[in-house]
Amino acid sequence: MRRPEPTQNERFFEPTEIIVSKTDTRGRITYANDVFCKVGLYSETELIGQPHSILRHPDMPRCVFHLLWQRIETGQEIFAYVKNLAKNGDFYWVFAHVTPSFDPQGGIDGYHSNRRVPERRAVETIAPIYAALLAEEARHADRKQGMQAGVALLQAELQRIGMEYDAFVFEIAGLA
């Protein structure tokens, strides 16, 4: 599926709505609820089997997804602010909670994500941080080196302010 050209139009969904999706262990969508389809402007058939990265907005630093995968592949949950790309190129912000799903033997057999409407203050706080991470990634010709530089920058900033990633995310959300 061709990635749309991003627009400057922001999409919104109701605070009472939750975007839900499930993926296999490679990140391919196995379930998408109606809110997911409505906000992203996709039909369920268009989403099933596609990589979840179909929603990746170019304003999102790769290092954020690297950290996300690092956490969930080890069986941990993660919370993150994500700017997603709708089918028509519009964008929408979410506060995502991603968790691994386990089979009866305790092995990871997929991932489950619930996304809620983020507080506007949180979006205004995280957007410039993501822009700085994205700029750091872009300074490197090699994408992998850029992503690693973004991770290092984020970790250095968290260390500077004396916070762990989860505490930082919850502080922005006003949940700390």
N, C-alpha and C. Protein backbone atom coordinates (compact mmCIF):
# COMPACT_ATOMS: atom_id res chain seq x y z
N MET A 1 0.84 -1.18 0.00
CA MET A 1 0.00 0.00 0.00
C MET A 1 0.89 1.24 0.00
N ARG A 2 0.59 2.19 -0.84
CA ARG A 2 1.38 3.41 -0.98
C ARG A 2 1.13 4.35 0.19
N ARG A 3 2.22 4.89 0.75
CA ARG A 3 2.12 5.84 1.87
C ARG A 3 1.68 7.20 1.33
N PRO A 4 0.67 7.81 1.95
CA PRO A 4 0.17 9.10 1.45
C PRO A 4 1.13 10.25 1.77
N GLU A 5 1.02 11.30 1.01
CA GLU A 5 1.77 12.54 1.27
C GLU A 5 1.14 13.21 2.49
N PRO A 6 1.94 13.53 3.53
CA PRO A 6 1.36 14.16 4.73
C PRO A 6 0.76 15.53 4.45
N THR A 7 -0.36 15.79 5.10
CA THR A 7 -1.01 17.11 5.04
C THR A 7 -0.74 17.82 6.37
N GLN A 8 -1.23 18.99 6.51
CA GLN A 8 -1.15 19.72 7.78
C GLN A 8 -2.47 19.64 8.55
N ASN A 9 -3.38 18.79 8.10
CA ASN A 9 -4.69 18.65 8.73
C ASN A 9 -4.65 17.63 9.85
N GLU A 10 -5.09 18.07 11.03
CA GLU A 10 -5.13 17.16 12.17
C GLU A 10 -6.52 16.56 12.31
N ARG A 11 -6.55 15.26 12.56
CA ARG A 11 -7.79 14.54 12.83
C ARG A 11 -7.92 14.35 14.34
N PHE A 12 -9.14 14.23 14.81
CA PHE A 12 -9.38 14.06 16.23
C PHE A 12 -10.38 12.93 16.43
N PHE A 13 -10.36 12.36 17.61
CA PHE A 13 -11.39 11.40 18.00
C PHE A 13 -11.80 11.74 19.42
N GLU A 14 -12.89 11.18 19.85
CA GLU A 14 -13.49 11.54 21.14
C GLU A 14 -12.68 10.97 22.31
N PRO A 15 -12.60 11.71 23.40
CA PRO A 15 -11.90 11.22 24.59
C PRO A 15 -12.48 9.92 25.14
N THR A 16 -13.72 9.63 24.82
CA THR A 16 -14.35 8.39 25.28
C THR A 16 -14.04 7.21 24.36
N GLU A 17 -13.43 7.48 23.21
CA GLU A 17 -13.12 6.43 22.24
C GLU A 17 -11.70 5.89 22.49
N ILE A 18 -11.53 4.61 22.19
CA ILE A 18 -10.22 3.97 22.30
C ILE A 18 -9.92 3.28 20.98
N ILE A 19 -8.77 3.59 20.42
CA ILE A 19 -8.29 2.90 19.22
C ILE A 19 -7.62 1.62 19.69
N VAL A 20 -8.03 0.49 19.14
CA VAL A 20 -7.48 -0.80 19.54
C VAL A 20 -6.98 -1.54 18.31
N SER A 21 -5.80 -2.12 18.45
CA SER A 21 -5.30 -3.00 17.40
C SER A 21 -4.48 -4.11 18.04
N LYS A 22 -4.36 -5.19 17.29
CA LYS A 22 -3.51 -6.32 17.68
C LYS A 22 -2.63 -6.64 16.48
N THR A 23 -1.41 -7.11 16.78
CA THR A 23 -0.51 -7.51 15.71
C THR A 23 0.10 -8.87 16.04
N ASP A 24 0.70 -9.47 15.03
CA ASP A 24 1.50 -10.66 15.29
C ASP A 24 2.87 -10.20 15.79
N THR A 25 3.80 -11.11 15.97
CA THR A 25 5.10 -10.75 16.54
C THR A 25 5.96 -9.93 15.58
N ARG A 26 5.60 -9.90 14.31
CA ARG A 26 6.35 -9.08 13.34
C ARG A 26 5.71 -7.70 13.15
N GLY A 27 4.63 -7.41 13.87
CA GLY A 27 3.99 -6.11 13.77
C GLY A 27 2.95 -6.01 12.68
N ARG A 28 2.52 -7.13 12.12
CA ARG A 28 1.46 -7.13 11.10
C ARG A 28 0.11 -7.14 11.81
N ILE A 29 -0.78 -6.27 11.37
CA ILE A 29 -2.08 -6.09 12.01
C ILE A 29 -2.96 -7.33 11.85
N THR A 30 -3.47 -7.82 12.98
CA THR A 30 -4.39 -8.96 12.98
C THR A 30 -5.79 -8.56 13.42
N TYR A 31 -5.90 -7.38 14.04
CA TYR A 31 -7.20 -6.88 14.49
C TYR A 31 -7.15 -5.36 14.50
N ALA A 32 -8.24 -4.74 14.06
CA ALA A 32 -8.38 -3.28 14.10
C ALA A 32 -9.84 -2.97 14.44
N ASN A 33 -10.06 -2.23 15.53
CA ASN A 33 -11.44 -1.92 15.88
C ASN A 33 -12.00 -0.81 14.99
N ASP A 34 -13.28 -0.55 15.15
CA ASP A 34 -13.95 0.43 14.29
C ASP A 34 -13.41 1.84 14.50
N VAL A 35 -12.98 2.18 15.70
CA VAL A 35 -12.42 3.52 15.95
C VAL A 35 -11.11 3.67 15.19
N PHE A 36 -10.28 2.64 15.21
CA PHE A 36 -9.03 2.64 14.46
C PHE A 36 -9.32 2.91 12.98
N CYS A 37 -10.26 2.18 12.43
CA CYS A 37 -10.61 2.34 11.02
C CYS A 37 -11.15 3.75 10.73
N LYS A 38 -12.02 4.23 11.59
CA LYS A 38 -12.64 5.54 11.40
C LYS A 38 -11.60 6.66 11.44
N VAL A 39 -10.76 6.67 12.46
CA VAL A 39 -9.78 7.75 12.62
C VAL A 39 -8.71 7.69 11.53
N GLY A 40 -8.25 6.49 11.22
CA GLY A 40 -7.21 6.34 10.20
C GLY A 40 -7.72 6.34 8.77
N LEU A 41 -9.05 6.32 8.60
CA LEU A 41 -9.70 6.33 7.28
C LEU A 41 -9.41 5.07 6.45
N TYR A 42 -9.18 3.97 7.15
CA TYR A 42 -8.96 2.68 6.48
C TYR A 42 -10.14 1.77 6.75
N SER A 43 -10.36 0.83 5.85
CA SER A 43 -11.32 -0.24 6.14
C SER A 43 -10.54 -1.33 6.88
N GLU A 44 -11.26 -2.17 7.59
CA GLU A 44 -10.61 -3.26 8.30
C GLU A 44 -9.84 -4.16 7.32
N THR A 45 -10.42 -4.40 6.17
CA THR A 45 -9.76 -5.26 5.17
C THR A 45 -8.45 -4.65 4.68
N GLU A 46 -8.41 -3.33 4.57
CA GLU A 46 -7.18 -2.67 4.15
C GLU A 46 -6.08 -2.79 5.21
N LEU A 47 -6.46 -2.88 6.47
CA LEU A 47 -5.49 -2.91 7.56
C LEU A 47 -4.97 -4.31 7.89
N ILE A 48 -5.85 -5.30 7.87
CA ILE A 48 -5.46 -6.65 8.28
C ILE A 48 -4.34 -7.16 7.36
N GLY A 49 -3.26 -7.61 8.01
CA GLY A 49 -2.11 -8.13 7.27
C GLY A 49 -1.05 -7.08 6.95
N GLN A 50 -1.40 -5.82 7.12
CA GLN A 50 -0.43 -4.74 6.85
C GLN A 50 0.48 -4.53 8.07
N PRO A 51 1.70 -4.07 7.84
CA PRO A 51 2.54 -3.72 8.99
C PRO A 51 1.95 -2.51 9.72
N HIS A 52 2.02 -2.51 11.04
CA HIS A 52 1.46 -1.40 11.81
C HIS A 52 2.13 -0.09 11.42
N SER A 53 3.33 -0.19 10.89
CA SER A 53 4.07 1.01 10.47
C SER A 53 3.41 1.73 9.29
N ILE A 54 2.34 1.17 8.75
CA ILE A 54 1.57 1.85 7.71
C ILE A 54 1.10 3.22 8.22
N LEU A 55 0.99 3.34 9.54
CA LEU A 55 0.51 4.58 10.16
C LEU A 55 1.65 5.53 10.52
N ARG A 56 2.88 5.12 10.30
CA ARG A 56 4.02 5.92 10.77
C ARG A 56 4.11 7.25 10.04
N HIS A 57 3.97 8.31 10.81
CA HIS A 57 4.09 9.66 10.27
C HIS A 57 5.57 10.00 10.15
N PRO A 58 5.99 10.70 9.08
CA PRO A 58 7.41 11.03 8.94
C PRO A 58 7.94 11.96 10.03
N ASP A 59 7.06 12.59 10.81
CA ASP A 59 7.51 13.42 11.93
C ASP A 59 7.90 12.60 13.16
N MET A 60 7.67 11.29 13.11
CA MET A 60 8.00 10.43 14.24
C MET A 60 9.45 9.95 14.14
N PRO A 61 10.23 10.19 15.19
CA PRO A 61 11.61 9.70 15.19
C PRO A 61 11.65 8.16 15.24
N ARG A 62 12.55 7.59 14.49
CA ARG A 62 12.71 6.13 14.47
C ARG A 62 13.10 5.60 15.84
N CYS A 63 13.85 6.41 16.60
CA CYS A 63 14.34 5.94 17.90
C CYS A 63 13.19 5.65 18.86
N VAL A 64 12.08 6.33 18.74
CA VAL A 64 10.93 6.07 19.61
C VAL A 64 10.40 4.66 19.35
N PHE A 65 10.32 4.28 18.08
CA PHE A 65 9.85 2.93 17.75
C PHE A 65 10.88 1.88 18.13
N HIS A 66 12.15 2.23 18.02
CA HIS A 66 13.21 1.32 18.46
C HIS A 66 13.04 1.00 19.94
N LEU A 67 12.84 2.05 20.75
CA LEU A 67 12.64 1.85 22.18
C LEU A 67 11.37 1.05 22.45
N LEU A 68 10.32 1.34 21.70
CA LEU A 68 9.06 0.61 21.85
C LEU A 68 9.29 -0.89 21.61
N TRP A 69 9.91 -1.23 20.49
CA TRP A 69 10.15 -2.64 20.17
C TRP A 69 11.09 -3.28 21.18
N GLN A 70 12.08 -2.54 21.62
CA GLN A 70 13.02 -3.06 22.62
C GLN A 70 12.27 -3.50 23.88
N ARG A 71 11.30 -2.69 24.30
CA ARG A 71 10.54 -2.99 25.52
C ARG A 71 9.58 -4.16 25.30
N ILE A 72 8.76 -4.09 24.26
CA ILE A 72 7.71 -5.11 24.13
C ILE A 72 8.26 -6.48 23.76
N GLU A 73 9.38 -6.52 23.05
CA GLU A 73 9.97 -7.82 22.70
C GLU A 73 10.52 -8.55 23.92
N THR A 74 10.75 -7.81 25.01
CA THR A 74 11.23 -8.44 26.25
C THR A 74 10.08 -8.67 27.23
N GLY A 75 8.85 -8.50 26.76
CA GLY A 75 7.69 -8.80 27.59
C GLY A 75 7.20 -7.64 28.44
N GLN A 76 7.77 -6.46 28.25
CA GLN A 76 7.36 -5.29 29.02
C GLN A 76 6.32 -4.47 28.25
N GLU A 77 5.55 -3.70 28.98
CA GLU A 77 4.63 -2.77 28.35
C GLU A 77 5.33 -1.44 28.14
N ILE A 78 4.73 -0.59 27.32
CA ILE A 78 5.28 0.75 27.13
C ILE A 78 4.13 1.71 26.83
N PHE A 79 4.31 2.94 27.27
CA PHE A 79 3.41 4.04 26.96
C PHE A 79 4.19 5.00 26.09
N ALA A 80 3.54 5.56 25.09
CA ALA A 80 4.25 6.50 24.21
C ALA A 80 3.24 7.42 23.52
N TYR A 81 3.72 8.61 23.21
CA TYR A 81 2.94 9.54 22.39
C TYR A 81 3.35 9.28 20.96
N VAL A 82 2.35 9.14 20.09
CA VAL A 82 2.64 8.82 18.70
C VAL A 82 1.81 9.70 17.78
N LYS A 83 2.48 10.25 16.78
CA LYS A 83 1.80 11.00 15.73
C LYS A 83 1.61 10.03 14.57
N ASN A 84 0.36 9.72 14.26
CA ASN A 84 0.02 8.75 13.22
C ASN A 84 -0.40 9.44 11.93
N LEU A 85 -0.32 8.70 10.86
CA LEU A 85 -0.66 9.17 9.53
C LEU A 85 -1.92 8.45 9.05
N ALA A 86 -2.95 9.21 8.74
CA ALA A 86 -4.19 8.63 8.21
C ALA A 86 -4.02 8.32 6.71
N LYS A 87 -4.92 7.57 6.18
CA LYS A 87 -4.86 7.12 4.79
C LYS A 87 -4.80 8.30 3.81
N ASN A 88 -5.44 9.43 4.16
CA ASN A 88 -5.47 10.58 3.25
C ASN A 88 -4.31 11.56 3.49
N GLY A 89 -3.40 11.21 4.43
CA GLY A 89 -2.26 12.08 4.72
C GLY A 89 -2.45 12.97 5.94
N ASP A 90 -3.67 13.05 6.47
CA ASP A 90 -3.89 13.81 7.70
C ASP A 90 -3.16 13.10 8.85
N PHE A 91 -3.02 13.80 9.97
CA PHE A 91 -2.35 13.20 11.12
C PHE A 91 -3.26 13.23 12.34
N TYR A 92 -2.93 12.38 13.29
CA TYR A 92 -3.62 12.38 14.57
C TYR A 92 -2.66 11.87 15.65
N TRP A 93 -2.75 12.50 16.81
CA TRP A 93 -1.92 12.14 17.95
C TRP A 93 -2.66 11.14 18.83
N VAL A 94 -1.89 10.21 19.40
CA VAL A 94 -2.45 9.25 20.35
C VAL A 94 -1.51 9.09 21.53
N PHE A 95 -2.08 8.69 22.65
CA PHE A 95 -1.31 8.24 23.81
C PHE A 95 -1.47 6.73 23.81
N ALA A 96 -0.41 6.02 23.41
CA ALA A 96 -0.49 4.58 23.18
C ALA A 96 0.01 3.79 24.38
N HIS A 97 -0.67 2.70 24.64
CA HIS A 97 -0.24 1.71 25.63
C HIS A 97 -0.11 0.40 24.87
N VAL A 98 1.13 -0.08 24.73
CA VAL A 98 1.39 -1.28 23.96
C VAL A 98 1.89 -2.37 24.90
N THR A 99 1.27 -3.54 24.78
CA THR A 99 1.64 -4.67 25.64
C THR A 99 1.81 -5.92 24.79
N PRO A 100 2.68 -6.80 25.24
CA PRO A 100 2.77 -8.10 24.57
C PRO A 100 1.57 -8.97 24.94
N SER A 101 1.20 -9.86 24.03
CA SER A 101 0.19 -10.88 24.31
C SER A 101 0.95 -12.19 24.44
N PHE A 102 0.51 -13.05 25.35
CA PHE A 102 1.24 -14.28 25.63
C PHE A 102 0.41 -15.51 25.28
N ASP A 103 1.10 -16.53 24.79
CA ASP A 103 0.45 -17.81 24.53
C ASP A 103 0.38 -18.60 25.85
N PRO A 104 -0.29 -19.76 25.86
CA PRO A 104 -0.44 -20.52 27.11
C PRO A 104 0.90 -20.95 27.75
N GLN A 105 1.95 -21.04 26.96
CA GLN A 105 3.26 -21.42 27.49
C GLN A 105 4.06 -20.21 28.00
N GLY A 106 3.49 -19.02 27.87
CA GLY A 106 4.18 -17.83 28.35
C GLY A 106 5.03 -17.13 27.32
N GLY A 107 5.01 -17.63 26.09
CA GLY A 107 5.76 -16.97 25.02
C GLY A 107 4.94 -15.84 24.40
N ILE A 108 5.63 -14.87 23.85
CA ILE A 108 4.94 -13.75 23.20
C ILE A 108 4.41 -14.22 21.85
N ASP A 109 3.10 -14.02 21.64
CA ASP A 109 2.52 -14.41 20.36
C ASP A 109 1.92 -13.23 19.59
N GLY A 110 2.13 -12.04 20.11
CA GLY A 110 1.65 -10.85 19.42
C GLY A 110 1.68 -9.66 20.35
N TYR A 111 1.07 -8.57 19.89
CA TYR A 111 1.06 -7.33 20.67
C TYR A 111 -0.32 -6.69 20.59
N HIS A 112 -0.67 -5.98 21.64
CA HIS A 112 -1.98 -5.35 21.76
C HIS A 112 -1.74 -3.88 22.08
N SER A 113 -2.42 -3.00 21.38
CA SER A 113 -2.24 -1.57 21.62
C SER A 113 -3.59 -0.89 21.79
N ASN A 114 -3.69 -0.12 22.88
CA ASN A 114 -4.84 0.75 23.12
C ASN A 114 -4.34 2.17 22.99
N ARG A 115 -5.03 2.99 22.23
CA ARG A 115 -4.63 4.39 22.06
C ARG A 115 -5.77 5.31 22.44
N ARG A 116 -5.43 6.27 23.27
CA ARG A 116 -6.40 7.26 23.75
C ARG A 116 -6.03 8.64 23.24
N VAL A 117 -6.96 9.55 23.39
CA VAL A 117 -6.70 10.95 23.06
C VAL A 117 -5.69 11.49 24.08
N PRO A 118 -4.57 12.04 23.63
CA PRO A 118 -3.62 12.62 24.59
C PRO A 118 -4.06 14.01 25.03
N GLU A 119 -3.61 14.41 26.20
CA GLU A 119 -3.83 15.78 26.64
C GLU A 119 -3.10 16.71 25.67
N ARG A 120 -3.71 17.82 25.33
CA ARG A 120 -3.10 18.77 24.38
C ARG A 120 -1.76 19.29 24.90
N ARG A 121 -1.69 19.52 26.21
CA ARG A 121 -0.43 19.99 26.80
C ARG A 121 0.69 18.96 26.58
N ALA A 122 0.34 17.69 26.64
CA ALA A 122 1.33 16.63 26.43
C ALA A 122 1.84 16.66 24.99
N VAL A 123 0.94 16.85 24.04
CA VAL A 123 1.34 16.93 22.62
C VAL A 123 2.26 18.13 22.41
N GLU A 124 1.90 19.25 23.01
CA GLU A 124 2.72 20.46 22.87
C GLU A 124 4.09 20.30 23.51
N THR A 125 4.19 19.45 24.51
CA THR A 125 5.47 19.18 25.17
C THR A 125 6.31 18.20 24.35
N ILE A 126 5.68 17.15 23.85
CA ILE A 126 6.43 16.08 23.19
C ILE A 126 6.82 16.44 21.75
N ALA A 127 6.02 17.24 21.06
CA ALA A 127 6.30 17.54 19.64
C ALA A 127 7.69 18.15 19.43
N PRO A 128 8.13 19.15 20.22
CA PRO A 128 9.47 19.68 20.01
C PRO A 128 10.58 18.69 20.38
N ILE A 129 10.31 17.82 21.34
CA ILE A 129 11.29 16.78 21.69
C ILE A 129 11.45 15.83 20.52
N TYR A 130 10.34 15.42 19.93
CA TYR A 130 10.41 14.55 18.76
C TYR A 130 11.10 15.24 17.59
N ALA A 131 10.86 16.53 17.42
CA ALA A 131 11.52 17.27 16.34
C ALA A 131 13.04 17.26 16.54
N ALA A 132 13.49 17.43 17.79
CA ALA A 132 14.93 17.40 18.08
C ALA A 132 15.51 16.01 17.82
N LEU A 133 14.77 14.97 18.21
CA LEU A 133 15.24 13.60 17.95
C LEU A 133 15.30 13.32 16.46
N LEU A 134 14.29 13.77 15.74
CA LEU A 134 14.26 13.58 14.28
C LEU A 134 15.42 14.32 13.61
N ALA A 135 15.71 15.52 14.07
CA ALA A 135 16.83 16.30 13.53
C ALA A 135 18.15 15.57 13.79
N GLU A 136 18.28 15.00 14.98
CA GLU A 136 19.50 14.24 15.30
C GLU A 136 19.62 13.03 14.39
N GLU A 137 18.53 12.33 14.17
CA GLU A 137 18.56 11.18 13.28
C GLU A 137 18.95 11.59 11.86
N ALA A 138 18.46 12.73 11.42
CA ALA A 138 18.71 13.20 10.05
C ALA A 138 20.15 13.65 9.83
N ARG A 139 20.85 13.95 10.91
CA ARG A 139 22.25 14.39 10.78
C ARG A 139 23.17 13.27 10.32
N HIS A 140 22.69 12.05 10.34
CA HIS A 140 23.51 10.88 10.00
C HIS A 140 23.05 10.29 8.67
N ALA A 141 24.00 10.05 7.79
CA ALA A 141 23.67 9.50 6.47
C ALA A 141 23.14 8.08 6.58
N ASP A 142 23.67 7.32 7.52
CA ASP A 142 23.23 5.95 7.74
C ASP A 142 22.02 5.96 8.68
N ARG A 143 20.90 5.37 8.23
CA ARG A 143 19.66 5.39 9.02
C ARG A 143 19.82 4.72 10.38
N LYS A 144 20.55 3.60 10.41
CA LYS A 144 20.75 2.90 11.68
C LYS A 144 21.56 3.75 12.65
N GLN A 145 22.61 4.38 12.16
CA GLN A 145 23.40 5.27 13.02
C GLN A 145 22.56 6.45 13.50
N GLY A 146 21.72 6.97 12.63
CA GLY A 146 20.83 8.06 13.01
C GLY A 146 19.88 7.66 14.11
N MET A 147 19.31 6.46 13.98
CA MET A 147 18.38 5.97 14.99
C MET A 147 19.12 5.78 16.31
N GLN A 148 20.32 5.21 16.27
CA GLN A 148 21.10 5.02 17.49
C GLN A 148 21.47 6.36 18.13
N ALA A 149 21.77 7.35 17.30
CA ALA A 149 22.08 8.69 17.82
C ALA A 149 20.84 9.30 18.48
N GLY A 150 19.67 9.06 17.92
CA GLY A 150 18.43 9.54 18.52
C GLY A 150 18.18 8.89 19.87
N VAL A 151 18.41 7.58 19.96
CA VAL A 151 18.26 6.87 21.24
C VAL A 151 19.22 7.45 22.27
N ALA A 152 20.47 7.66 21.86
CA ALA A 152 21.48 8.21 22.77
C ALA A 152 21.09 9.60 23.25
N LEU A 153 20.57 10.43 22.34
CA LEU A 153 20.14 11.78 22.71
C LEU A 153 18.99 11.73 23.72
N LEU A 154 18.01 10.88 23.47
CA LEU A 154 16.88 10.76 24.39
C LEU A 154 17.35 10.26 25.75
N GLN A 155 18.21 9.23 25.76
CA GLN A 155 18.71 8.71 27.02
C GLN A 155 19.53 9.76 27.77
N ALA A 156 20.33 10.53 27.06
CA ALA A 156 21.13 11.58 27.70
C ALA A 156 20.22 12.65 28.30
N GLU A 157 19.17 13.01 27.59
CA GLU A 157 18.23 14.02 28.11
C GLU A 157 17.50 13.50 29.34
N LEU A 158 17.08 12.25 29.31
CA LEU A 158 16.41 11.67 30.47
C LEU A 158 17.35 11.61 31.66
N GLN A 159 18.60 11.27 31.41
CA GLN A 159 19.59 11.23 32.48
C GLN A 159 19.83 12.64 33.04
N ARG A 160 19.87 13.62 32.14
CA ARG A 160 20.10 15.00 32.55
C ARG A 160 19.00 15.48 33.50
N ILE A 161 17.76 15.11 33.20
CA ILE A 161 16.65 15.55 34.05
C ILE A 161 16.36 14.55 35.17
N GLY A 162 17.13 13.46 35.20
CA GLY A 162 17.01 12.48 36.29
C GLY A 162 15.72 11.70 36.28
N MET A 163 15.27 11.30 35.09
CA MET A 163 14.01 10.55 35.01
C MET A 163 14.19 9.30 34.16
N GLU A 164 13.46 8.28 34.54
CA GLU A 164 13.34 7.09 33.71
C GLU A 164 12.30 7.38 32.63
N TYR A 165 12.31 6.59 31.56
CA TYR A 165 11.39 6.83 30.44
C TYR A 165 9.94 6.85 30.90
N ASP A 166 9.51 5.84 31.66
CA ASP A 166 8.10 5.77 32.07
C ASP A 166 7.69 6.99 32.90
N ALA A 167 8.54 7.38 33.84
CA ALA A 167 8.23 8.55 34.68
C ALA A 167 8.11 9.79 33.81
N PHE A 168 8.99 9.91 32.81
CA PHE A 168 8.97 11.05 31.89
C PHE A 168 7.64 11.10 31.13
N VAL A 169 7.22 9.96 30.59
CA VAL A 169 5.97 9.90 29.83
C VAL A 169 4.78 10.23 30.72
N PHE A 170 4.76 9.69 31.93
CA PHE A 170 3.65 9.96 32.84
C PHE A 170 3.66 11.40 33.33
N GLU A 171 4.84 11.97 33.48
CA GLU A 171 4.94 13.38 33.87
C GLU A 171 4.29 14.26 32.80
N ILE A 172 4.61 13.98 31.54
CA ILE A 172 4.03 14.74 30.43
C ILE A 172 2.51 14.57 30.41
N ALA A 173 2.07 13.35 30.68
CA ALA A 173 0.63 13.06 30.65
C ALA A 173 -0.10 13.65 31.85
N GLY A 174 0.66 14.12 32.83
CA GLY A 174 0.03 14.64 34.04
C GLY A 174 -0.42 13.52 34.97
N LEU A 175 0.16 12.33 34.81
CA LEU A 175 -0.24 11.19 35.62
C LEU A 175 0.76 10.90 36.73
N ALA A 176 1.84 11.67 36.79
CA ALA A 176 2.89 11.41 37.80
C ALA A 176 2.49 11.97 39.14
